[in-house]
Amino acid sequence: MNQERLLKVIVAPHISEKSTMSADKAGQFIFKVAIDATKREIKSAVEQLFEVEVADVKTMTVRGKMKYTRTPGKRPNWKKAIVCLKPGQDIDFVSA
């Protein structure tokens, strides 16, 4: 795969209370990814960027919320990936 594309696949880690608990208990890490990214691209991008072994990738598209000010507007849709690592693997966001 193209190195440029792999760097654009993962947008940012999704840090929340729920994602932190799933990382501690089940070894699952949640990332915001490009809307057109595939599971294979996400898997290879995580393996190359963080030097870990990925067991499974689950994806979902999160619908943007409707917001009302003077005129109604909508936030954009975004894609979320839940990456399950093999036992013994861990991602440290501070050093990465």
Protein backbone atom coordinates (compact mmCIF):
# COMPACT_ATOMS: atom_id res chain seq x y z
CA MET A 1 0.00 0.00 0.00
CA ASN A 2 1.01 3.58 -0.54
CA GLN A 3 2.78 5.10 2.49
CA GLU A 4 1.08 8.45 1.90
CA ARG A 5 -2.36 6.84 2.01
CA LEU A 6 -1.58 4.94 5.21
CA LEU A 7 -0.65 8.18 6.97
CA LYS A 8 -3.98 9.74 5.93
CA VAL A 9 -6.13 6.79 7.02
CA ILE A 10 -5.93 7.42 10.78
CA VAL A 11 -7.10 10.92 11.64
CA ALA A 12 -6.78 10.83 15.45
CA PRO A 13 -7.28 8.59 18.47
CA HIS A 14 -10.76 8.95 19.96
CA ILE A 15 -10.16 9.63 23.65
CA SER A 16 -13.17 9.33 25.94
CA GLU A 17 -14.02 7.66 29.21
CA LYS A 18 -15.55 4.67 27.44
CA SER A 19 -12.60 4.23 25.05
CA THR A 20 -10.11 4.41 27.92
CA MET A 21 -11.99 1.72 29.84
CA SER A 22 -12.13 -0.56 26.78
CA ALA A 23 -8.40 -0.07 26.21
CA ASP A 24 -7.63 -1.07 29.80
CA LYS A 25 -9.96 -4.06 29.99
CA ALA A 26 -10.13 -5.56 26.49
CA GLY A 27 -7.14 -4.15 24.61
CA GLN A 28 -9.39 -2.28 22.17
CA PHE A 29 -8.38 1.13 20.87
CA ILE A 30 -10.72 3.54 19.12
CA PHE A 31 -9.59 5.80 16.26
CA LYS A 32 -11.24 8.41 14.08
CA VAL A 33 -10.42 7.35 10.52
CA ALA A 34 -10.97 8.64 7.00
CA ILE A 35 -14.55 8.14 5.81
CA ASP A 36 -13.41 6.05 2.81
CA ALA A 37 -10.91 3.87 4.72
CA THR A 38 -11.27 0.10 4.55
CA LYS A 39 -10.60 -2.40 7.33
CA ARG A 40 -7.45 -3.65 5.61
CA GLU A 41 -6.07 -0.12 5.29
CA ILE A 42 -6.84 0.61 8.96
CA LYS A 43 -5.17 -2.62 10.08
CA SER A 44 -1.98 -2.01 8.10
CA ALA A 45 -1.84 1.66 9.14
CA VAL A 46 -2.08 0.81 12.86
CA GLU A 47 0.48 -1.98 12.54
CA GLN A 48 2.98 0.30 10.78
CA LEU A 49 2.45 3.44 12.85
CA PHE A 50 2.41 1.86 16.31
CA GLU A 51 4.40 -1.36 15.60
CA VAL A 52 1.79 -3.71 17.09
CA GLU A 53 -0.11 -6.76 15.84
CA VAL A 54 -3.82 -6.23 15.15
CA ALA A 55 -6.26 -9.09 15.72
CA ASP A 56 -9.53 -7.50 14.55
CA VAL A 57 -10.94 -4.23 13.19
CA LYS A 58 -14.55 -3.12 13.50
CA THR A 59 -15.79 0.04 11.80
CA MET A 60 -18.89 2.19 12.01
CA THR A 61 -20.04 5.47 10.56
CA VAL A 62 -21.17 7.97 13.18
CA ARG A 63 -23.90 10.27 11.93
CA GLY A 64 -23.37 14.00 12.44
CA LYS A 65 -25.67 15.80 14.85
CA MET A 66 -28.21 18.40 13.83
CA LYS A 67 -27.45 21.78 15.39
CA TYR A 68 -29.76 24.75 15.49
CA THR A 69 -28.67 28.36 15.80
CA ARG A 70 -30.53 30.83 13.63
CA THR A 71 -30.64 28.34 10.80
CA PRO A 72 -30.47 24.57 11.10
CA GLY A 73 -27.12 22.99 10.32
CA LYS A 74 -25.55 19.57 10.45
CA ARG A 75 -22.15 18.39 11.60
CA PRO A 76 -20.38 16.07 9.15
CA ASN A 77 -20.52 12.28 9.43
CA TRP A 78 -17.31 10.57 10.56
CA LYS A 79 -16.00 7.03 10.71
CA LYS A 80 -14.87 5.26 13.85
CA ALA A 81 -12.66 2.16 13.99
CA ILE A 82 -12.36 -0.17 16.99
CA VAL A 83 -9.01 -1.94 16.77
CA CYS A 84 -8.51 -5.10 18.84
CA LEU A 85 -4.89 -5.99 19.50
CA LYS A 86 -3.43 -9.44 20.02
CA PRO A 87 -2.70 -10.40 23.66
CA GLY A 88 0.44 -8.81 25.03
CA GLN A 89 0.28 -5.83 22.64
CA ASP A 90 -0.30 -2.24 23.80
CA ILE A 91 -0.32 1.23 22.26
CA ASP A 92 1.23 4.10 24.23
CA PHE A 93 -0.05 7.39 22.80
CA VAL A 94 2.35 9.48 24.89
CA SER A 95 5.54 8.07 23.39
CA ALA A 96 4.07 7.68 19.89
